[in-house]
Amino acid sequence: MKFKTTLVATAVILACQVGHAQTAKDMAADMRQMREELRQLRAELEGLKKQKDQTPTPAPVIAAQTPSQTDTSAHVDQPANAVNLFGYGELNFTRPKNNIAGSEATARRAVLGFGYKFNDRTRFAAELEVEHAVVSKDDSGEVAFEQLYVEHDISDGLSAKMGLFLLPVGYMNESHEPTRYYGVTRNLVETAIIPSTWRELGVGFRGIQDSGLRWDAGVVTSFDLTKWPTDSADTKESPLGAIHQEGQKAKAASLGYYGALNFDGIPGVNFGGSLFQGGIGQKQPTIASPNASVTLAEVHTKWQVGSWDLSALAAQGWFHDVSAFNASGNGASNPVPDQFRGWYAQAAYRLWRSGDRSLVPFTRYEQVNTALGFSGLGGLAPANEPNTKVWTAGASYYLHPQVVVKMDMQKYQNNSALDRFNMGLGFHY
């Protein structure tokens, strides 16, 4: 390179200064020449530095943002101004213990993700989900955007996103690829109490500190009480899942607010929690509770040490100002509960590993209750739902960290008719 040649020339001049006596006039001329050479050398170096700064640097894949736990999304280098592809899929088989005729196999989910990096600070990401393989008016399949947002780095430790994105609540909502959780299906608590996958339209901020502290906060759309179904089976599956809006012409007279805090400053350890508060009545004069709202709080912890992976989570939800809705004809057949809650504890152990392959057996115990207490119904209030208590035990066999074959057995302690065997294949890329 030219600057190397200049450097050599400068060194030769210096050597000549040492080897030969010169007059003051000659010395002055040589010094002027040396200064000129050094100025040229400095200009060359500055040019190279600017060229390096302007060269696009690889960036991580723009996928669903995951909590700062030891389970993180796969990252693929991506230059600026290039489209990046990512996604995941899962295929499941279920055989009820006492109902062989009810056995079912399905392509449960296929998610096609793509991202684009505008520059070092601004990115776009989208995830398109297809459920149950086929979508038509006569099928149970569904197509939906799971995420659709733009994210911008305000500074090194602070970023903002705007659009349709997953809320940082619990472990699974942001990190739900089948290779990242144990069991063929997602756990009940992070499905029935915390809806999965829970996304909203809005603006969110994330701050990460060197100490391992991460915080999230944002303003987003909330739920719609007018979607509350008359069939209790739908709300038993998930009270919030029954009234979520998913960014589809979402009513936004009453917004939602969330905050989350996580600490990852100790290797292998994570603990934190989150809080969501939002309106569900949406100021609608057609319902008896236009100012109804919901609060959801959860705490979680994870400890990964050696071959062990231990975790626990507890979540509690409250509906407010729904008594008038229940007293009206809207909620008579299936009233809105005052509370819903659940918790789980889970242990997994990496029993064997060879290269990319590994075997991880696990067990999980969880309790869920989607209907605790009712207001506005007087003596007609139904009895509280009993706790659903489930043991799940099985194993994940990883052909590769991004490809897993799973098997498990689920034992429902208070309803043996739901006992089942599950098998599945999952992957992410």
Protein backbone atom coordinates (compact mmCIF):
# COMPACT_ATOMS: atom_id res chain seq x y z
CA MET A 1 0.00 0.00 0.00
CA LYS A 2 1.08 3.58 -0.59
CA PHE A 3 1.38 4.46 3.09
CA LYS A 4 3.80 1.53 3.58
CA THR A 5 6.00 2.93 0.79
CA THR A 6 5.91 6.33 2.43
CA LEU A 7 6.85 4.80 5.77
CA VAL A 8 9.85 3.03 4.21
CA ALA A 9 10.98 6.26 2.57
CA THR A 10 10.77 8.06 5.88
CA ALA A 11 12.86 5.36 7.55
CA VAL A 12 15.52 5.63 4.82
CA ILE A 13 15.78 9.37 5.33
CA LEU A 14 16.20 8.89 9.08
CA ALA A 15 18.94 6.31 8.48
CA CYS A 16 20.75 8.72 6.23
CA GLN A 17 20.61 11.32 8.94
CA VAL A 18 22.43 9.00 11.29
CA GLY A 19 25.04 7.78 8.79
CA HIS A 20 26.26 11.09 7.28
CA ALA A 21 27.22 14.49 8.58
CA GLN A 22 25.19 17.28 7.00
CA THR A 23 25.23 21.03 6.91
CA ALA A 24 22.58 22.99 8.74
CA LYS A 25 21.07 24.01 5.39
CA ASP A 26 20.85 20.38 4.24
CA MET A 27 19.47 19.33 7.61
CA ALA A 28 16.70 21.94 7.39
CA ALA A 29 15.74 20.76 3.89
CA ASP A 30 15.61 17.16 5.00
CA MET A 31 13.46 18.06 7.99
CA ARG A 32 10.99 19.85 5.74
CA GLN A 33 10.85 16.78 3.52
CA MET A 34 10.31 14.53 6.55
CA ARG A 35 7.46 16.71 7.79
CA GLU A 36 5.83 16.55 4.35
CA GLU A 37 6.19 12.77 4.27
CA LEU A 38 4.67 12.46 7.74
CA ARG A 39 1.72 14.64 6.71
CA GLN A 40 1.13 12.38 3.74
CA LEU A 41 1.39 9.32 5.95
CA ARG A 42 -1.14 10.78 8.39
CA ALA A 43 -3.52 11.56 5.53
CA GLU A 44 -3.22 7.95 4.29
CA LEU A 45 -4.00 6.55 7.73
CA GLU A 46 -6.99 8.86 8.21
CA GLY A 47 -8.38 7.77 4.85
CA LEU A 48 -8.05 4.10 5.76
CA LYS A 49 -9.78 4.71 9.09
CA LYS A 50 -12.73 6.44 7.40
CA GLN A 51 -12.98 3.63 4.87
CA LYS A 52 -13.12 1.05 7.68
CA ASP A 53 -15.79 3.00 9.58
CA GLN A 54 -17.98 3.19 6.49
CA THR A 55 -17.69 -0.53 5.72
CA PRO A 56 -20.87 -2.43 6.86
CA THR A 57 -20.21 -4.75 9.78
CA PRO A 58 -22.04 -8.05 10.32
CA ALA A 59 -25.12 -7.83 12.52
CA PRO A 60 -27.11 -10.48 14.39
CA VAL A 61 -30.24 -11.97 12.92
CA ILE A 62 -33.28 -9.77 13.50
CA ALA A 63 -35.56 -12.28 15.11
CA ALA A 64 -37.86 -12.21 18.10
CA GLN A 65 -35.97 -10.50 20.84
CA THR A 66 -35.27 -12.94 23.63
CA PRO A 67 -34.67 -12.24 27.31
CA SER A 68 -31.08 -12.10 28.50
CA GLN A 69 -31.11 -15.69 29.70
CA THR A 70 -28.79 -18.50 28.79
CA ASP A 71 -31.38 -19.61 26.21
CA THR A 72 -30.98 -17.15 23.35
CA SER A 73 -31.94 -17.09 19.71
CA ALA A 74 -29.60 -18.37 17.02
CA HIS A 75 -27.60 -15.54 15.48
CA VAL A 76 -26.47 -15.34 11.89
CA ASP A 77 -24.20 -12.63 10.52
CA GLN A 78 -26.07 -10.18 8.34
CA PRO A 79 -24.58 -7.27 6.38
CA ALA A 80 -26.42 -4.00 6.04
CA ASN A 81 -28.99 -3.74 3.24
CA ALA A 82 -29.47 -7.52 3.04
CA VAL A 83 -32.57 -9.60 3.73
CA ASN A 84 -32.09 -12.21 6.45
CA LEU A 85 -34.28 -15.31 6.78
CA PHE A 86 -35.10 -17.16 10.01
CA GLY A 87 -37.96 -19.08 11.58
CA TYR A 88 -39.06 -22.32 13.24
CA GLY A 89 -41.48 -25.21 12.95
CA GLU A 90 -43.07 -27.94 15.04
CA LEU A 91 -45.03 -31.10 14.19
CA ASN A 92 -46.90 -32.94 16.94
CA PHE A 93 -48.61 -36.24 17.65
CA THR A 94 -50.94 -36.69 20.64
CA ARG A 95 -52.58 -39.88 21.88
CA PRO A 96 -55.02 -39.57 24.80
CA LYS A 97 -54.54 -42.41 27.26
CA ASN A 98 -58.22 -43.28 27.50
CA ASN A 99 -59.33 -42.32 24.00
CA ILE A 100 -57.26 -43.93 21.27
CA ALA A 101 -59.75 -42.73 18.64
CA GLY A 102 -58.89 -39.17 19.68
CA SER A 103 -55.26 -39.51 18.58
CA GLU A 104 -54.19 -36.61 16.40
CA ALA A 105 -51.19 -35.55 14.33
CA THR A 106 -50.73 -32.03 13.02
CA ALA A 107 -48.18 -29.62 11.55
CA ARG A 108 -48.74 -27.38 14.55
CA ARG A 109 -46.79 -24.34 13.49
CA ALA A 110 -44.53 -23.08 10.73
CA VAL A 111 -43.07 -19.60 11.18
CA LEU A 112 -41.33 -17.82 8.32
CA GLY A 113 -39.29 -14.88 9.52
CA PHE A 114 -37.40 -12.23 7.60
CA GLY A 115 -35.42 -9.19 8.63
CA TYR A 116 -33.69 -6.24 7.01
CA LYS A 117 -30.91 -4.09 8.39
CA PHE A 118 -31.07 -0.50 7.16
CA ASN A 119 -27.85 0.48 8.95
CA ASP A 120 -25.96 -0.31 12.15
CA ARG A 121 -28.76 1.15 14.30
CA THR A 122 -32.06 0.54 12.50
CA ARG A 123 -33.60 -2.86 11.71
CA PHE A 124 -36.89 -4.37 10.58
CA ALA A 125 -38.28 -7.80 11.48
CA ALA A 126 -41.39 -9.82 10.65
CA GLU A 127 -42.64 -13.32 11.45
CA LEU A 128 -45.48 -14.92 9.50
CA GLU A 129 -47.07 -17.91 11.25
CA VAL A 130 -49.10 -20.69 9.62
CA GLU A 131 -50.94 -23.03 12.00
CA HIS A 132 -52.15 -26.58 11.21
CA ALA A 133 -50.79 -26.63 7.64
CA VAL A 134 -53.94 -25.63 5.73
CA VAL A 135 -55.87 -22.36 5.81
CA SER A 136 -59.36 -22.00 4.32
CA LYS A 137 -62.88 -21.21 5.43
CA ASP A 138 -63.48 -24.93 6.09
CA ASP A 139 -60.23 -25.64 7.97
CA SER A 140 -58.95 -24.80 11.45
CA GLY A 141 -55.66 -23.43 10.15
CA GLU A 142 -54.64 -19.83 10.67
CA VAL A 143 -52.22 -17.35 9.11
CA ALA A 144 -51.08 -14.37 11.17
CA PHE A 145 -48.17 -12.02 11.62
CA GLU A 146 -46.55 -12.94 14.91
CA GLN A 147 -44.31 -9.88 14.74
CA LEU A 148 -43.97 -6.88 12.45
CA TYR A 149 -41.82 -4.05 13.78
CA VAL A 150 -38.92 -1.64 13.31
CA GLU A 151 -36.23 -1.45 15.99
CA HIS A 152 -33.72 1.36 16.49
CA ASP A 153 -30.68 1.58 18.78
CA ILE A 154 -30.87 4.95 20.52
CA SER A 155 -27.51 4.32 22.18
CA ASP A 156 -25.25 1.37 22.98
CA GLY A 157 -27.46 0.21 25.85
CA LEU A 158 -30.88 1.53 24.83
CA SER A 159 -33.16 0.49 21.97
CA ALA A 160 -36.73 1.21 20.91
CA LYS A 161 -39.18 -0.72 18.75
CA MET A 162 -42.46 0.27 17.12
CA GLY A 163 -45.02 -1.99 15.51
CA LEU A 164 -46.46 -5.41 16.34
CA PHE A 165 -44.17 -7.22 18.78
CA LEU A 166 -44.10 -9.82 21.55
CA LEU A 167 -44.32 -8.58 25.13
CA PRO A 168 -41.42 -9.39 27.49
CA VAL A 169 -43.59 -11.38 29.91
CA GLY A 170 -42.34 -14.65 31.39
CA TYR A 171 -39.86 -16.90 29.61
CA MET A 172 -41.75 -18.41 26.70
CA ASN A 173 -43.53 -15.46 25.13
CA GLU A 174 -40.36 -14.06 23.56
CA SER A 175 -38.44 -17.34 23.37
CA HIS A 176 -40.91 -19.99 22.20
CA GLU A 177 -39.08 -21.92 19.48
CA PRO A 178 -39.61 -25.66 20.15
CA THR A 179 -35.87 -26.21 20.64
CA ARG A 180 -35.89 -23.76 23.56
CA TYR A 181 -38.45 -25.32 25.88
CA TYR A 182 -38.99 -28.78 27.32
CA GLY A 183 -42.09 -30.78 26.49
CA VAL A 184 -43.83 -31.39 23.20
CA THR A 185 -46.35 -28.61 23.87
CA ARG A 186 -45.88 -25.29 25.62
CA ASN A 187 -46.53 -25.32 29.38
CA LEU A 188 -50.02 -24.49 30.66
CA VAL A 189 -49.08 -21.45 32.74
CA GLU A 190 -47.46 -19.65 29.81
CA THR A 191 -50.40 -20.56 27.61
CA ALA A 192 -53.52 -20.21 29.77
CA ILE A 193 -52.51 -17.45 32.20
CA ILE A 194 -49.92 -15.67 30.02
CA PRO A 195 -51.35 -15.97 26.49
CA SER A 196 -48.97 -17.46 23.95
CA THR A 197 -47.84 -15.86 21.77
CA TRP A 198 -48.90 -12.49 23.18
CA ARG A 199 -48.18 -9.60 20.84
CA GLU A 200 -49.51 -6.05 20.75
CA LEU A 201 -49.21 -2.93 18.61
CA GLY A 202 -47.28 -0.10 20.22
CA VAL A 203 -43.93 1.31 21.25
CA GLY A 204 -41.45 -0.43 23.53
CA PHE A 205 -38.07 0.42 25.03
CA ARG A 206 -35.30 -1.88 26.24
CA GLY A 207 -32.26 -0.93 28.31
CA ILE A 208 -29.31 -3.20 29.05
CA GLN A 209 -26.64 -2.37 31.63
CA ASP A 210 -23.15 -3.82 32.05
CA SER A 211 -24.15 -5.07 35.51
CA GLY A 212 -26.51 -7.61 33.90
CA LEU A 213 -29.68 -5.63 34.59
CA ARG A 214 -32.21 -5.39 31.75
CA TRP A 215 -35.39 -3.37 31.80
CA ASP A 216 -38.33 -3.12 29.39
CA ALA A 217 -41.21 -0.66 29.26
CA GLY A 218 -43.81 0.34 26.71
CA VAL A 219 -47.27 1.51 25.70
CA VAL A 220 -49.33 -0.90 23.59
CA THR A 221 -52.84 -1.92 22.63
CA SER A 222 -54.81 -3.98 25.16
CA PHE A 223 -57.76 -6.41 25.13
CA ASP A 224 -61.41 -6.18 24.05
CA LEU A 225 -64.09 -7.35 26.50
CA THR A 226 -66.72 -7.54 23.74
CA LYS A 227 -64.87 -10.60 22.41
CA TRP A 228 -65.58 -12.51 25.66
CA PRO A 229 -67.22 -15.78 24.50
CA THR A 230 -70.36 -17.36 25.88
CA ASP A 231 -68.65 -20.78 25.76
CA SER A 232 -66.68 -21.34 28.97
CA ALA A 233 -64.40 -23.85 27.23
CA ASP A 234 -62.71 -21.00 25.35
CA THR A 235 -62.03 -18.96 28.48
CA LYS A 236 -60.86 -21.99 30.46
CA GLU A 237 -58.19 -22.44 27.82
CA SER A 238 -57.03 -18.82 28.30
CA PRO A 239 -59.07 -15.88 29.66
CA LEU A 240 -56.79 -13.31 28.04
CA GLY A 241 -56.33 -15.42 24.94
CA ALA A 242 -60.09 -15.29 24.41
CA ILE A 243 -60.14 -11.46 24.20
CA HIS A 244 -56.77 -10.60 22.67
CA GLN A 245 -56.77 -8.46 19.52
CA GLU A 246 -53.49 -9.48 17.84
CA GLY A 247 -53.13 -6.21 15.95
CA GLN A 248 -56.29 -6.81 13.86
CA LYS A 249 -58.14 -3.48 13.81
CA ALA A 250 -57.50 -3.35 17.54
CA LYS A 251 -59.74 -1.11 19.60
CA ALA A 252 -57.43 1.44 21.22
CA ALA A 253 -59.57 3.78 23.32
CA SER A 254 -57.92 2.23 26.38
CA LEU A 255 -54.26 1.31 26.03
CA GLY A 256 -51.99 -1.05 27.94
CA TYR A 257 -48.76 -0.35 29.82
CA TYR A 258 -46.06 -2.87 30.64
CA GLY A 259 -42.79 -3.00 32.52
CA ALA A 260 -40.30 -5.81 33.05
CA LEU A 261 -37.05 -6.23 34.94
CA ASN A 262 -34.48 -9.03 34.62
CA PHE A 263 -31.08 -9.67 36.18
CA ASP A 264 -28.46 -11.83 34.45
CA GLY A 265 -25.32 -10.62 36.22
CA ILE A 266 -24.46 -14.07 37.62
CA PRO A 267 -23.48 -16.71 35.03
CA GLY A 268 -26.24 -19.30 34.60
CA VAL A 269 -28.73 -17.38 36.76
CA ASN A 270 -31.72 -15.29 35.76
CA PHE A 271 -34.51 -13.83 37.85
CA GLY A 272 -37.05 -11.13 37.18
CA GLY A 273 -40.67 -10.22 36.71
CA SER A 274 -43.13 -8.15 34.73
CA LEU A 275 -46.36 -6.19 35.15
CA PHE A 276 -49.09 -5.34 32.61
CA GLN A 277 -52.05 -3.02 33.14
CA GLY A 278 -54.58 -2.28 30.39
CA GLY A 279 -58.16 -1.39 29.64
CA ILE A 280 -60.52 -4.04 28.26
CA GLY A 281 -63.85 -2.16 28.18
CA GLN A 282 -62.41 0.21 25.54
CA LYS A 283 -64.88 2.97 26.55
CA GLN A 284 -67.61 1.22 24.55
CA PRO A 285 -71.10 2.44 25.48
CA THR A 286 -72.66 -0.79 24.18
CA ILE A 287 -71.38 -2.80 27.16
CA ALA A 288 -72.13 -2.38 30.85
CA SER A 289 -68.46 -2.11 31.88
CA PRO A 290 -66.81 0.39 29.48
CA ASN A 291 -64.01 1.10 32.01
CA ALA A 292 -63.16 -2.53 32.80
CA SER A 293 -59.45 -3.35 32.95
CA VAL A 294 -57.00 -6.16 33.61
CA THR A 295 -53.75 -6.51 35.56
CA LEU A 296 -51.26 -9.33 35.03
CA ALA A 297 -48.14 -9.83 37.17
CA GLU A 298 -45.52 -12.59 37.02
CA VAL A 299 -42.16 -13.51 38.53
CA HIS A 300 -39.67 -16.06 37.21
CA THR A 301 -36.27 -17.56 37.89
CA LYS A 302 -33.86 -19.88 36.13
CA TRP A 303 -30.67 -21.58 37.33
CA GLN A 304 -28.40 -23.45 34.93
CA VAL A 305 -25.47 -25.12 36.62
CA GLY A 306 -23.44 -27.98 35.16
CA SER A 307 -25.87 -30.32 33.40
CA TRP A 308 -28.88 -29.04 35.36
CA ASP A 309 -31.49 -26.59 34.08
CA LEU A 310 -33.92 -25.51 36.81
CA SER A 311 -36.71 -22.96 36.41
CA ALA A 312 -39.90 -21.72 38.03
CA LEU A 313 -42.58 -19.14 37.22
CA ALA A 314 -45.73 -17.82 38.89
CA ALA A 315 -48.37 -15.55 37.32
CA GLN A 316 -51.52 -13.88 38.65
CA GLY A 317 -54.21 -11.92 36.80
CA TRP A 318 -57.07 -9.70 37.99
CA PHE A 319 -60.09 -8.37 36.09
CA HIS A 320 -61.39 -5.04 37.43
CA ASP A 321 -64.82 -3.42 37.16
CA VAL A 322 -66.49 -6.37 35.42
CA SER A 323 -69.42 -6.80 37.83
CA ALA A 324 -71.79 -4.75 35.65
CA PHE A 325 -70.80 -6.78 32.60
CA ASN A 326 -71.53 -10.01 34.50
CA ALA A 327 -74.87 -8.68 35.80
CA SER A 328 -75.97 -7.81 32.28
CA GLY A 329 -76.95 -10.39 29.71
CA ASN A 330 -73.45 -10.30 28.20
CA GLY A 331 -71.75 -12.37 30.87
CA ALA A 332 -74.66 -14.36 32.27
CA SER A 333 -73.82 -17.74 30.73
CA ASN A 334 -70.06 -17.42 31.12
CA PRO A 335 -69.17 -14.67 33.61
CA VAL A 336 -65.78 -12.95 33.71
CA PRO A 337 -63.81 -14.14 36.78
CA ASP A 338 -62.19 -11.79 39.24
CA GLN A 339 -58.87 -13.65 39.18
CA PHE A 340 -56.85 -16.26 37.30
CA ARG A 341 -53.44 -17.64 38.25
CA GLY A 342 -50.89 -20.41 37.85
CA TRP A 343 -47.35 -21.55 38.60
CA TYR A 344 -44.86 -24.24 37.61
CA ALA A 345 -41.52 -25.70 38.67
CA GLN A 346 -39.33 -27.58 36.22
CA ALA A 347 -36.08 -29.55 36.28
CA ALA A 348 -34.08 -30.85 33.31
CA TYR A 349 -30.75 -32.72 33.20
CA ARG A 350 -28.41 -33.19 30.24
CA LEU A 351 -27.84 -36.92 30.59
CA TRP A 352 -25.66 -37.46 27.51
CA ARG A 353 -23.85 -35.43 24.88
CA SER A 354 -21.76 -36.32 21.84
CA GLY A 355 -20.90 -33.55 19.44
CA ASP A 356 -24.10 -31.79 18.39
CA ARG A 357 -26.30 -34.57 19.80
CA SER A 358 -27.59 -34.67 23.35
CA LEU A 359 -30.32 -36.24 25.50
CA VAL A 360 -32.15 -34.15 28.10
CA PRO A 361 -34.83 -35.76 30.29
CA PHE A 362 -37.06 -33.38 32.27
CA THR A 363 -40.03 -33.19 34.61
CA ARG A 364 -42.45 -30.35 35.32
CA TYR A 365 -45.27 -29.80 37.80
CA GLU A 366 -47.78 -27.01 37.31
CA GLN A 367 -51.07 -25.71 38.67
CA VAL A 368 -53.47 -23.47 36.77
CA ASN A 369 -56.80 -21.90 37.65
CA THR A 370 -58.54 -19.73 35.05
CA ALA A 371 -61.61 -18.73 37.12
CA LEU A 372 -61.35 -17.64 40.75
CA GLY A 373 -64.26 -15.64 42.19
CA PHE A 374 -67.05 -13.78 40.39
CA SER A 375 -68.64 -10.41 41.04
CA GLY A 376 -71.98 -8.93 39.97
CA LEU A 377 -73.89 -12.22 40.08
CA GLY A 378 -75.06 -12.36 43.69
CA GLY A 379 -76.14 -15.84 44.77
CA LEU A 380 -76.07 -17.02 41.17
CA ALA A 381 -72.27 -16.95 40.99
CA PRO A 382 -70.79 -20.28 39.85
CA ALA A 383 -68.32 -22.14 42.01
CA ASN A 384 -64.64 -21.48 41.55
CA GLU A 385 -62.90 -23.66 39.03
CA PRO A 386 -60.71 -26.34 40.66
CA ASN A 387 -56.97 -26.09 40.13
CA THR A 388 -55.72 -28.01 37.11
CA LYS A 389 -52.72 -30.00 38.35
CA VAL A 390 -50.44 -31.58 35.78
CA TRP A 391 -47.25 -33.62 35.90
CA THR A 392 -45.29 -33.74 32.65
CA ALA A 393 -42.25 -36.00 32.24
CA GLY A 394 -40.28 -36.79 29.12
CA ALA A 395 -37.09 -36.20 27.18
CA SER A 396 -35.70 -34.10 24.37
CA TYR A 397 -33.23 -35.71 21.97
CA TYR A 398 -31.25 -33.09 20.09
CA LEU A 399 -29.92 -34.16 16.71
CA HIS A 400 -28.42 -30.67 16.60
CA PRO A 401 -28.90 -27.69 18.95
CA GLN A 402 -31.44 -26.45 16.38
CA VAL A 403 -33.27 -29.78 15.76
CA VAL A 404 -35.05 -31.75 18.47
CA VAL A 405 -37.21 -34.87 18.76
CA LYS A 406 -39.42 -34.87 21.87
CA MET A 407 -41.52 -37.34 23.82
CA ASP A 408 -43.46 -36.89 27.04
CA MET A 409 -46.31 -38.19 29.19
CA GLN A 410 -48.82 -35.84 30.87
CA LYS A 411 -50.72 -36.86 33.99
CA TYR A 412 -53.69 -34.67 35.03
CA GLN A 413 -54.16 -35.32 38.72
CA ASN A 414 -57.76 -34.10 38.91
CA ASN A 415 -58.95 -35.38 35.52
CA SER A 416 -57.39 -38.62 34.28
CA ALA A 417 -59.45 -38.40 31.05
CA LEU A 418 -56.94 -35.79 29.89
CA ASP A 419 -53.86 -37.98 30.42
CA ARG A 420 -51.88 -38.32 27.21
CA PHE A 421 -48.73 -39.29 25.38
CA ASN A 422 -47.10 -36.68 23.13
CA MET A 423 -44.39 -36.88 20.50
CA GLY A 424 -43.01 -34.10 18.33
CA LEU A 425 -40.34 -32.75 16.03
CA GLY A 426 -39.13 -29.16 16.33
CA PHE A 427 -36.50 -26.99 14.69
CA HIS A 428 -35.43 -23.39 14.28
CA TYR A 429 -33.07 -21.71 11.87
